Amino acid sequence: MVDVLNRIPDTDCIRLCHRVVDGLCGREPPHRGDYNVTWSLQEWLQLLDSLTAIFRLAASGNISDEEVLVQLSEAGSSQAEAVLTVLRARHEEIHRALLDRTNGISSANLQDFDWQLKLALSSDKISSLNTPLLSVNLDVRENGGLRLVTMEMNRDELSMLIASLEAANKVVLQLK
C-alpha cells in the first residue's frame, strides 16, 4: 500500500513520516485533512497502517534496513529513502515508545481538567441528606484524540483518588 507515497514530494513524505512517528510516540499524529486531496480515506488508513507497521517492526529490531527497503519497493526510491531516513533518525525514540507501551506506561496525557462541587439532593429527605459530591471532568489525549472522562465522587472516594495520585507521583519522580 506504500505505493501511494509516490503522490507526494520527498519533503512532504519526510514530514508525513515524522508525523506518523509522532503518533507512535504518543504525540500529535498526522491529520487526514492535510492529505484529503491526495488520498481517499481508505488509502489514507491503509498507508498509515503500513507505515506504522514498518516503523514498529524496524524499531523493535525485527527487520533490517534492507528488509525495510524491500517492503517499500512499491514506493518510489526517493520516497523509500525518505522513510528510511526518518526511521534512522528516530529509531531510538520509536523503540523507547514501544518499550513504554509494553511495560504498561500509558501514552494518554491529561490535557485539561474542570471540577465542580455539587450537593446531592433527595426528593423525600432534602433536609437530612447533606452529601457533598465532587464532579471532575478530565480531557485526556489518547491516540491522538481527546476523550472526556467524567468522575463523580464523595469525600472518601476523593481521599482515595488523592492518595493514588500522590503514590503515582512518587513513582514518576523515582523514574526520573
N, C-alpha and C. Protein backbone atom coordinates (compact mmCIF):
# COMPACT_ATOMS: atom_id res chain seq x y z
N MET A 1 0.82 -1.20 0.00
CA MET A 1 0.00 0.00 0.00
C MET A 1 0.86 1.26 0.00
N VAL A 2 2.15 1.11 0.23
CA VAL A 2 3.02 2.29 0.28
C VAL A 2 3.26 2.89 -1.10
N ASP A 3 2.74 2.27 -2.15
CA ASP A 3 2.92 2.84 -3.48
C ASP A 3 2.24 4.20 -3.62
N VAL A 4 1.27 4.49 -2.78
CA VAL A 4 0.59 5.79 -2.84
C VAL A 4 1.47 6.92 -2.32
N LEU A 5 2.59 6.57 -1.71
CA LEU A 5 3.55 7.61 -1.28
C LEU A 5 4.10 8.38 -2.47
N ASN A 6 4.05 7.78 -3.65
CA ASN A 6 4.57 8.43 -4.86
C ASN A 6 3.78 9.68 -5.22
N ARG A 7 2.63 9.87 -4.60
CA ARG A 7 1.79 11.02 -4.93
C ARG A 7 2.23 12.31 -4.25
N ILE A 8 3.19 12.21 -3.35
CA ILE A 8 3.65 13.42 -2.66
C ILE A 8 5.15 13.58 -2.87
N PRO A 9 5.63 14.82 -2.84
CA PRO A 9 7.07 15.06 -2.99
C PRO A 9 7.85 14.52 -1.79
N ASP A 10 9.16 14.39 -1.98
CA ASP A 10 10.02 13.83 -0.93
C ASP A 10 9.91 14.59 0.39
N THR A 11 9.91 15.92 0.32
CA THR A 11 9.85 16.71 1.57
C THR A 11 8.54 16.46 2.32
N ASP A 12 7.43 16.34 1.58
CA ASP A 12 6.15 16.04 2.22
C ASP A 12 6.15 14.62 2.77
N CYS A 13 6.83 13.72 2.09
CA CYS A 13 6.93 12.34 2.56
C CYS A 13 7.68 12.29 3.88
N ILE A 14 8.77 13.02 3.98
CA ILE A 14 9.54 13.07 5.22
C ILE A 14 8.69 13.66 6.34
N ARG A 15 7.99 14.74 6.04
CA ARG A 15 7.13 15.38 7.04
C ARG A 15 6.05 14.42 7.51
N LEU A 16 5.42 13.70 6.57
CA LEU A 16 4.38 12.73 6.91
C LEU A 16 4.95 11.62 7.80
N CYS A 17 6.11 11.11 7.44
CA CYS A 17 6.73 10.03 8.23
C CYS A 17 7.06 10.50 9.64
N HIS A 18 7.54 11.72 9.78
CA HIS A 18 7.81 12.24 11.11
C HIS A 18 6.53 12.34 11.93
N ARG A 19 5.44 12.74 11.28
CA ARG A 19 4.16 12.83 11.99
C ARG A 19 3.63 11.45 12.37
N VAL A 20 3.86 10.45 11.52
CA VAL A 20 3.46 9.08 11.86
C VAL A 20 4.24 8.61 13.09
N VAL A 21 5.53 8.90 13.12
CA VAL A 21 6.36 8.55 14.27
C VAL A 21 5.89 9.31 15.51
N ASP A 22 5.54 10.59 15.34
CA ASP A 22 5.00 11.35 16.47
C ASP A 22 3.78 10.64 17.05
N GLY A 23 2.89 10.18 16.18
CA GLY A 23 1.70 9.45 16.63
C GLY A 23 2.07 8.17 17.37
N LEU A 24 3.08 7.47 16.87
CA LEU A 24 3.55 6.24 17.54
C LEU A 24 4.10 6.54 18.93
N CYS A 25 4.68 7.72 19.08
CA CYS A 25 5.33 8.09 20.33
C CYS A 25 4.38 8.83 21.27
N GLY A 26 3.10 8.85 20.94
CA GLY A 26 2.12 9.45 21.84
C GLY A 26 1.90 10.94 21.65
N ARG A 27 2.44 11.50 20.59
CA ARG A 27 2.22 12.92 20.32
C ARG A 27 1.21 13.07 19.18
N GLU A 28 1.14 14.23 18.62
CA GLU A 28 0.14 14.54 17.60
C GLU A 28 0.43 13.78 16.30
N PRO A 29 -0.47 12.90 15.87
CA PRO A 29 -0.27 12.16 14.62
C PRO A 29 -0.63 13.03 13.42
N PRO A 30 -0.38 12.54 12.21
CA PRO A 30 -0.77 13.33 11.03
C PRO A 30 -2.29 13.43 10.93
N HIS A 31 -2.74 14.51 10.35
CA HIS A 31 -4.18 14.74 10.19
C HIS A 31 -4.60 14.42 8.76
N ARG A 32 -5.68 13.72 8.64
CA ARG A 32 -6.20 13.36 7.32
C ARG A 32 -6.53 14.61 6.52
N GLY A 33 -6.99 15.65 7.18
CA GLY A 33 -7.36 16.89 6.49
C GLY A 33 -6.22 17.49 5.69
N ASP A 34 -4.99 17.24 6.13
CA ASP A 34 -3.83 17.76 5.41
C ASP A 34 -3.59 17.02 4.10
N TYR A 35 -4.17 15.85 3.96
CA TYR A 35 -3.89 15.00 2.80
C TYR A 35 -5.15 14.49 2.11
N ASN A 36 -6.32 15.05 2.44
CA ASN A 36 -7.55 14.50 1.87
C ASN A 36 -7.67 14.70 0.37
N VAL A 37 -6.91 15.62 -0.19
CA VAL A 37 -6.92 15.80 -1.65
C VAL A 37 -6.05 14.73 -2.31
N THR A 38 -5.02 14.29 -1.61
CA THR A 38 -4.05 13.35 -2.16
C THR A 38 -4.55 11.91 -2.12
N TRP A 39 -5.18 11.52 -0.99
CA TRP A 39 -5.59 10.13 -0.82
C TRP A 39 -7.03 10.03 -0.36
N SER A 40 -7.70 8.96 -0.77
CA SER A 40 -9.04 8.69 -0.26
C SER A 40 -8.91 8.23 1.19
N LEU A 41 -10.02 8.15 1.89
CA LEU A 41 -9.99 7.73 3.28
C LEU A 41 -9.41 6.33 3.41
N GLN A 42 -9.82 5.43 2.54
CA GLN A 42 -9.32 4.05 2.60
C GLN A 42 -7.81 4.01 2.33
N GLU A 43 -7.35 4.75 1.33
CA GLU A 43 -5.91 4.79 1.05
C GLU A 43 -5.14 5.38 2.24
N TRP A 44 -5.70 6.44 2.82
CA TRP A 44 -5.06 7.09 3.96
C TRP A 44 -4.89 6.12 5.13
N LEU A 45 -5.97 5.41 5.47
CA LEU A 45 -5.91 4.48 6.60
C LEU A 45 -4.94 3.33 6.32
N GLN A 46 -4.95 2.82 5.10
CA GLN A 46 -4.03 1.74 4.76
C GLN A 46 -2.58 2.22 4.76
N LEU A 47 -2.36 3.44 4.28
CA LEU A 47 -1.00 4.00 4.28
C LEU A 47 -0.50 4.17 5.71
N LEU A 48 -1.33 4.73 6.58
CA LEU A 48 -0.93 4.90 7.97
C LEU A 48 -0.64 3.55 8.64
N ASP A 49 -1.48 2.56 8.37
CA ASP A 49 -1.25 1.23 8.94
C ASP A 49 0.07 0.65 8.43
N SER A 50 0.33 0.80 7.14
CA SER A 50 1.56 0.25 6.55
C SER A 50 2.80 0.94 7.13
N LEU A 51 2.79 2.26 7.16
CA LEU A 51 3.94 2.99 7.69
C LEU A 51 4.16 2.69 9.18
N THR A 52 3.07 2.65 9.93
CA THR A 52 3.18 2.34 11.35
C THR A 52 3.76 0.95 11.56
N ALA A 53 3.30 -0.02 10.78
CA ALA A 53 3.81 -1.38 10.90
C ALA A 53 5.30 -1.44 10.57
N ILE A 54 5.70 -0.74 9.53
CA ILE A 54 7.12 -0.72 9.14
C ILE A 54 7.97 -0.10 10.25
N PHE A 55 7.54 1.04 10.78
CA PHE A 55 8.29 1.70 11.85
C PHE A 55 8.37 0.81 13.10
N ARG A 56 7.26 0.16 13.43
CA ARG A 56 7.26 -0.72 14.61
C ARG A 56 8.20 -1.90 14.42
N LEU A 57 8.10 -2.55 13.29
CA LEU A 57 8.96 -3.71 13.04
C LEU A 57 10.43 -3.33 13.04
N ALA A 58 10.75 -2.25 12.36
CA ALA A 58 12.15 -1.84 12.26
C ALA A 58 12.70 -1.40 13.61
N ALA A 59 11.91 -0.67 14.37
CA ALA A 59 12.39 -0.18 15.66
C ALA A 59 12.49 -1.29 16.70
N SER A 60 11.68 -2.32 16.55
CA SER A 60 11.77 -3.42 17.50
C SER A 60 12.91 -4.36 17.17
N GLY A 61 13.58 -4.11 16.05
CA GLY A 61 14.74 -4.91 15.68
C GLY A 61 14.40 -6.17 14.90
N ASN A 62 13.16 -6.28 14.47
CA ASN A 62 12.75 -7.49 13.76
C ASN A 62 13.09 -7.47 12.27
N ILE A 63 13.36 -6.29 11.70
CA ILE A 63 13.75 -6.23 10.29
C ILE A 63 14.89 -5.24 10.11
N SER A 64 15.72 -5.50 9.11
CA SER A 64 16.87 -4.64 8.82
C SER A 64 16.48 -3.55 7.82
N ASP A 65 17.43 -2.64 7.55
CA ASP A 65 17.20 -1.58 6.57
C ASP A 65 16.89 -2.16 5.20
N GLU A 66 17.57 -3.23 4.84
CA GLU A 66 17.34 -3.85 3.53
C GLU A 66 15.93 -4.41 3.44
N GLU A 67 15.46 -5.01 4.54
CA GLU A 67 14.10 -5.54 4.54
C GLU A 67 13.06 -4.42 4.50
N VAL A 68 13.39 -3.29 5.12
CA VAL A 68 12.50 -2.13 5.05
C VAL A 68 12.40 -1.68 3.60
N LEU A 69 13.54 -1.61 2.91
CA LEU A 69 13.53 -1.20 1.50
C LEU A 69 12.74 -2.18 0.64
N VAL A 70 12.81 -3.47 0.96
CA VAL A 70 12.03 -4.47 0.23
C VAL A 70 10.54 -4.21 0.44
N GLN A 71 10.14 -3.91 1.69
CA GLN A 71 8.73 -3.63 1.95
C GLN A 71 8.28 -2.33 1.28
N LEU A 72 9.23 -1.44 1.02
CA LEU A 72 8.92 -0.17 0.38
C LEU A 72 9.19 -0.20 -1.12
N SER A 73 9.38 -1.38 -1.68
CA SER A 73 9.75 -1.49 -3.09
C SER A 73 8.67 -0.93 -4.02
N GLU A 74 7.41 -0.95 -3.58
CA GLU A 74 6.33 -0.40 -4.40
C GLU A 74 6.40 1.13 -4.46
N ALA A 75 6.96 1.73 -3.43
CA ALA A 75 7.11 3.18 -3.42
C ALA A 75 8.30 3.56 -4.29
N GLY A 76 8.34 4.79 -4.68
CA GLY A 76 9.49 5.26 -5.45
C GLY A 76 10.74 5.21 -4.59
N SER A 77 11.90 5.18 -5.24
CA SER A 77 13.14 5.06 -4.49
C SER A 77 13.37 6.26 -3.57
N SER A 78 12.97 7.46 -4.02
CA SER A 78 13.18 8.64 -3.18
C SER A 78 12.25 8.61 -1.96
N GLN A 79 11.02 8.12 -2.14
CA GLN A 79 10.10 8.01 -1.00
C GLN A 79 10.56 6.92 -0.04
N ALA A 80 11.06 5.81 -0.57
CA ALA A 80 11.58 4.74 0.29
C ALA A 80 12.78 5.25 1.09
N GLU A 81 13.62 6.02 0.45
CA GLU A 81 14.79 6.58 1.15
C GLU A 81 14.35 7.59 2.20
N ALA A 82 13.27 8.34 1.93
CA ALA A 82 12.75 9.30 2.91
C ALA A 82 12.24 8.56 4.15
N VAL A 83 11.52 7.46 3.96
CA VAL A 83 11.03 6.66 5.08
C VAL A 83 12.20 6.12 5.89
N LEU A 84 13.21 5.62 5.19
CA LEU A 84 14.38 5.07 5.85
C LEU A 84 15.16 6.15 6.61
N THR A 85 15.22 7.35 6.06
CA THR A 85 15.89 8.47 6.72
C THR A 85 15.20 8.80 8.06
N VAL A 86 13.88 8.86 8.03
CA VAL A 86 13.13 9.14 9.26
C VAL A 86 13.31 8.00 10.25
N LEU A 87 13.29 6.78 9.75
CA LEU A 87 13.47 5.62 10.63
C LEU A 87 14.83 5.66 11.31
N ARG A 88 15.87 5.96 10.56
CA ARG A 88 17.22 6.03 11.14
C ARG A 88 17.32 7.16 12.17
N ALA A 89 16.71 8.29 11.85
CA ALA A 89 16.81 9.46 12.73
C ALA A 89 16.05 9.26 14.04
N ARG A 90 14.96 8.50 14.00
CA ARG A 90 14.11 8.42 15.18
C ARG A 90 13.95 6.99 15.71
N HIS A 91 14.87 6.12 15.28
CA HIS A 91 14.81 4.71 15.67
C HIS A 91 14.75 4.54 17.19
N GLU A 92 15.63 5.21 17.91
CA GLU A 92 15.70 5.04 19.36
C GLU A 92 14.43 5.56 20.03
N GLU A 93 13.90 6.66 19.53
CA GLU A 93 12.67 7.23 20.10
C GLU A 93 11.49 6.28 19.92
N ILE A 94 11.37 5.69 18.73
CA ILE A 94 10.30 4.73 18.47
C ILE A 94 10.47 3.51 19.38
N HIS A 95 11.70 3.04 19.48
CA HIS A 95 12.00 1.87 20.30
C HIS A 95 11.59 2.12 21.76
N ARG A 96 11.93 3.29 22.31
CA ARG A 96 11.56 3.64 23.68
C ARG A 96 10.04 3.69 23.85
N ALA A 97 9.35 4.28 22.87
CA ALA A 97 7.89 4.39 22.96
C ALA A 97 7.25 3.00 22.94
N LEU A 98 7.79 2.11 22.12
CA LEU A 98 7.25 0.75 22.08
C LEU A 98 7.52 0.01 23.38
N LEU A 99 8.69 0.22 23.96
CA LEU A 99 9.00 -0.39 25.26
C LEU A 99 8.09 0.14 26.35
N ASP A 100 7.83 1.43 26.34
CA ASP A 100 6.94 2.03 27.33
C ASP A 100 5.56 1.41 27.25
N ARG A 101 5.08 1.19 26.04
CA ARG A 101 3.75 0.59 25.88
C ARG A 101 3.72 -0.83 26.38
N THR A 102 4.76 -1.61 26.09
CA THR A 102 4.78 -2.99 26.55
C THR A 102 4.99 -3.09 28.05
N ASN A 103 5.59 -2.07 28.65
CA ASN A 103 5.78 -2.07 30.09
C ASN A 103 4.61 -1.45 30.83
N GLY A 104 3.56 -1.12 30.09
CA GLY A 104 2.34 -0.63 30.72
C GLY A 104 2.31 0.86 30.97
N ILE A 105 3.27 1.60 30.45
CA ILE A 105 3.25 3.04 30.62
C ILE A 105 2.33 3.61 29.55
N SER A 106 1.29 4.27 29.97
CA SER A 106 0.27 4.76 29.05
C SER A 106 0.74 5.97 28.27
N SER A 107 0.23 6.09 27.05
CA SER A 107 0.55 7.27 26.25
C SER A 107 -0.55 8.32 26.36
N ALA A 108 -1.50 8.10 27.27
CA ALA A 108 -2.56 9.08 27.45
C ALA A 108 -2.02 10.25 28.27
N ASN A 109 -2.34 11.45 27.86
CA ASN A 109 -1.87 12.65 28.53
C ASN A 109 -3.06 13.48 28.97
N LEU A 110 -3.04 13.91 30.23
CA LEU A 110 -4.09 14.79 30.72
C LEU A 110 -3.89 16.16 30.09
N GLN A 111 -4.91 16.66 29.41
CA GLN A 111 -4.81 17.93 28.72
C GLN A 111 -5.42 19.07 29.52
N ASP A 112 -6.53 18.82 30.21
CA ASP A 112 -7.21 19.88 30.93
C ASP A 112 -8.14 19.22 31.94
N PHE A 113 -8.52 19.96 32.96
CA PHE A 113 -9.48 19.42 33.91
C PHE A 113 -10.39 20.53 34.40
N ASP A 114 -11.54 20.12 34.88
CA ASP A 114 -12.53 21.05 35.42
C ASP A 114 -13.19 20.33 36.59
N TRP A 115 -13.52 21.06 37.63
CA TRP A 115 -14.18 20.43 38.76
C TRP A 115 -15.33 21.28 39.23
N GLN A 116 -16.31 20.61 39.83
CA GLN A 116 -17.47 21.29 40.38
C GLN A 116 -17.85 20.56 41.67
N LEU A 117 -18.29 21.28 42.66
CA LEU A 117 -18.80 20.69 43.89
C LEU A 117 -20.31 20.74 43.84
N LYS A 118 -20.94 19.57 44.03
CA LYS A 118 -22.40 19.50 43.98
C LYS A 118 -22.91 18.99 45.32
N LEU A 119 -24.13 19.29 45.61
CA LEU A 119 -24.78 18.77 46.79
C LEU A 119 -25.86 17.81 46.32
N ALA A 120 -25.74 16.54 46.73
CA ALA A 120 -26.73 15.55 46.32
C ALA A 120 -28.03 15.80 47.08
N LEU A 121 -29.11 15.82 46.36
CA LEU A 121 -30.42 16.08 46.96
C LEU A 121 -31.34 14.90 46.74
N SER A 122 -32.17 14.65 47.70
CA SER A 122 -33.16 13.59 47.61
C SER A 122 -34.53 14.23 47.76
N SER A 123 -35.48 13.80 46.98
CA SER A 123 -36.77 14.46 47.00
C SER A 123 -37.51 14.27 48.32
N ASP A 124 -37.31 13.16 49.02
CA ASP A 124 -38.06 12.93 50.24
C ASP A 124 -37.30 13.31 51.51
N LYS A 125 -36.01 13.45 51.42
CA LYS A 125 -35.23 13.77 52.63
C LYS A 125 -34.21 14.87 52.35
N ILE A 126 -34.63 15.94 51.76
CA ILE A 126 -33.71 17.02 51.39
C ILE A 126 -33.00 17.57 52.62
N SER A 127 -33.70 17.76 53.70
CA SER A 127 -33.09 18.40 54.86
C SER A 127 -32.09 17.50 55.57
N SER A 128 -32.27 16.18 55.51
CA SER A 128 -31.37 15.29 56.26
C SER A 128 -30.20 14.79 55.41
N LEU A 129 -30.29 14.92 54.12
CA LEU A 129 -29.22 14.43 53.25
C LEU A 129 -28.27 15.58 52.94
N ASN A 130 -27.05 15.47 53.39
CA ASN A 130 -26.06 16.52 53.21
C ASN A 130 -24.77 15.89 52.72
N THR A 131 -24.78 15.32 51.53
CA THR A 131 -23.63 14.60 50.99
C THR A 131 -22.99 15.41 49.88
N PRO A 132 -21.83 16.04 50.13
CA PRO A 132 -21.15 16.77 49.05
C PRO A 132 -20.51 15.78 48.07
N LEU A 133 -20.63 16.07 46.81
CA LEU A 133 -20.01 15.25 45.76
C LEU A 133 -19.12 16.15 44.92
N LEU A 134 -17.99 15.60 44.50
CA LEU A 134 -17.09 16.32 43.62
C LEU A 134 -17.22 15.74 42.22
N SER A 135 -17.44 16.58 41.25
CA SER A 135 -17.51 16.15 39.86
C SER A 135 -16.27 16.66 39.15
N VAL A 136 -15.48 15.75 38.59
CA VAL A 136 -14.24 16.11 37.90
C VAL A 136 -14.36 15.69 36.44
N ASN A 137 -14.10 16.63 35.54
CA ASN A 137 -14.07 16.35 34.11
C ASN A 137 -12.63 16.44 33.64
N LEU A 138 -12.11 15.36 33.07
CA LEU A 138 -10.73 15.32 32.59
C LEU A 138 -10.74 15.21 31.07
N ASP A 139 -9.96 16.05 30.40
CA ASP A 139 -9.73 15.92 28.97
C ASP A 139 -8.45 15.13 28.81
N VAL A 140 -8.54 13.91 28.31
CA VAL A 140 -7.39 13.03 28.19
C VAL A 140 -7.07 12.84 26.72
N ARG A 141 -5.81 13.12 26.34
CA ARG A 141 -5.38 12.89 24.96
C ARG A 141 -4.89 11.45 24.89
N GLU A 142 -5.52 10.70 24.01
CA GLU A 142 -5.19 9.29 23.87
C GLU A 142 -5.23 8.93 22.40
N ASN A 143 -4.13 8.41 21.90
CA ASN A 143 -4.02 8.01 20.50
C ASN A 143 -4.40 9.15 19.56
N GLY A 144 -3.98 10.34 19.89
CA GLY A 144 -4.18 11.47 19.01
C GLY A 144 -5.50 12.18 19.14
N GLY A 145 -6.43 11.65 19.91
CA GLY A 145 -7.72 12.29 20.06
C GLY A 145 -8.00 12.62 21.52
N LEU A 146 -8.89 13.57 21.73
CA LEU A 146 -9.26 13.94 23.09
C LEU A 146 -10.47 13.11 23.52
N ARG A 147 -10.42 12.65 24.77
CA ARG A 147 -11.52 11.87 25.32
C ARG A 147 -11.88 12.50 26.65
N LEU A 148 -13.17 12.74 26.87
CA LEU A 148 -13.64 13.33 28.11
C LEU A 148 -13.91 12.21 29.11
N VAL A 149 -13.32 12.32 30.29
CA VAL A 149 -13.54 11.37 31.37
C VAL A 149 -14.18 12.14 32.51
N THR A 150 -15.37 11.72 32.93
CA THR A 150 -16.08 12.40 34.00
C THR A 150 -16.16 11.47 35.20
N MET A 151 -15.79 12.00 36.35
CA MET A 151 -15.86 11.23 37.58
C MET A 151 -16.65 12.02 38.61
N GLU A 152 -17.51 11.34 39.35
CA GLU A 152 -18.23 11.97 40.44
C GLU A 152 -17.94 11.14 41.68
N MET A 153 -17.48 11.80 42.75
CA MET A 153 -17.07 11.04 43.93
C MET A 153 -17.41 11.78 45.20
N ASN A 154 -17.56 10.98 46.25
CA ASN A 154 -17.80 11.56 47.57
C ASN A 154 -16.47 11.81 48.26
N ARG A 155 -16.52 12.24 49.50
CA ARG A 155 -15.31 12.62 50.23
C ARG A 155 -14.33 11.45 50.36
N ASP A 156 -14.83 10.26 50.68
CA ASP A 156 -13.95 9.10 50.84
C ASP A 156 -13.29 8.71 49.51
N GLU A 157 -14.08 8.71 48.44
CA GLU A 157 -13.53 8.38 47.13
C GLU A 157 -12.50 9.42 46.70
N LEU A 158 -12.74 10.68 47.02
CA LEU A 158 -11.79 11.74 46.71
C LEU A 158 -10.48 11.53 47.46
N SER A 159 -10.57 11.16 48.72
CA SER A 159 -9.36 10.89 49.51
C SER A 159 -8.56 9.74 48.90
N MET A 160 -9.25 8.69 48.46
CA MET A 160 -8.57 7.56 47.83
C MET A 160 -7.91 7.98 46.52
N LEU A 161 -8.60 8.82 45.73
CA LEU A 161 -8.03 9.30 44.47
C LEU A 161 -6.77 10.13 44.73
N ILE A 162 -6.83 11.02 45.70
CA ILE A 162 -5.67 11.85 46.02
C ILE A 162 -4.49 10.98 46.47
N ALA A 163 -4.76 9.99 47.30
CA ALA A 163 -3.70 9.08 47.75
C ALA A 163 -3.09 8.33 46.57
N SER A 164 -3.93 7.88 45.65
CA SER A 164 -3.44 7.16 44.47
C SER A 164 -2.58 8.06 43.59
N LEU A 165 -3.02 9.31 43.40
CA LEU A 165 -2.27 10.24 42.58
C LEU A 165 -0.93 10.60 43.24
N GLU A 166 -0.93 10.75 44.55
CA GLU A 166 0.33 11.03 45.25
C GLU A 166 1.30 9.85 45.12
N ALA A 167 0.78 8.63 45.21
CA ALA A 167 1.63 7.44 45.04
C ALA A 167 2.17 7.37 43.62
N ALA A 168 1.33 7.67 42.65
CA ALA A 168 1.79 7.66 41.25
C ALA A 168 2.84 8.73 41.03
N ASN A 169 2.67 9.89 41.64
CA ASN A 169 3.65 10.96 41.51
C ASN A 169 5.00 10.54 42.09
N LYS A 170 5.00 9.84 43.22
CA LYS A 170 6.25 9.36 43.81
C LYS A 170 6.95 8.40 42.86
N VAL A 171 6.19 7.52 42.22
CA VAL A 171 6.78 6.56 41.28
C VAL A 171 7.39 7.29 40.09
N VAL A 172 6.67 8.28 39.57
CA VAL A 172 7.18 9.06 38.43
C VAL A 172 8.46 9.78 38.82
N LEU A 173 8.49 10.36 40.01
CA LEU A 173 9.69 11.07 40.46
C LEU A 173 10.87 10.12 40.64
N GLN A 174 10.62 8.88 41.05
CA GLN A 174 11.69 7.90 41.19
C GLN A 174 12.23 7.47 39.84
N LEU A 175 11.39 7.48 38.81
CA LEU A 175 11.81 7.08 37.46
C LEU A 175 12.69 8.13 36.80
N LYS A 176 12.58 9.38 37.25
CA LYS A 176 13.36 10.46 36.62
C LYS A 176 14.79 10.41 36.98
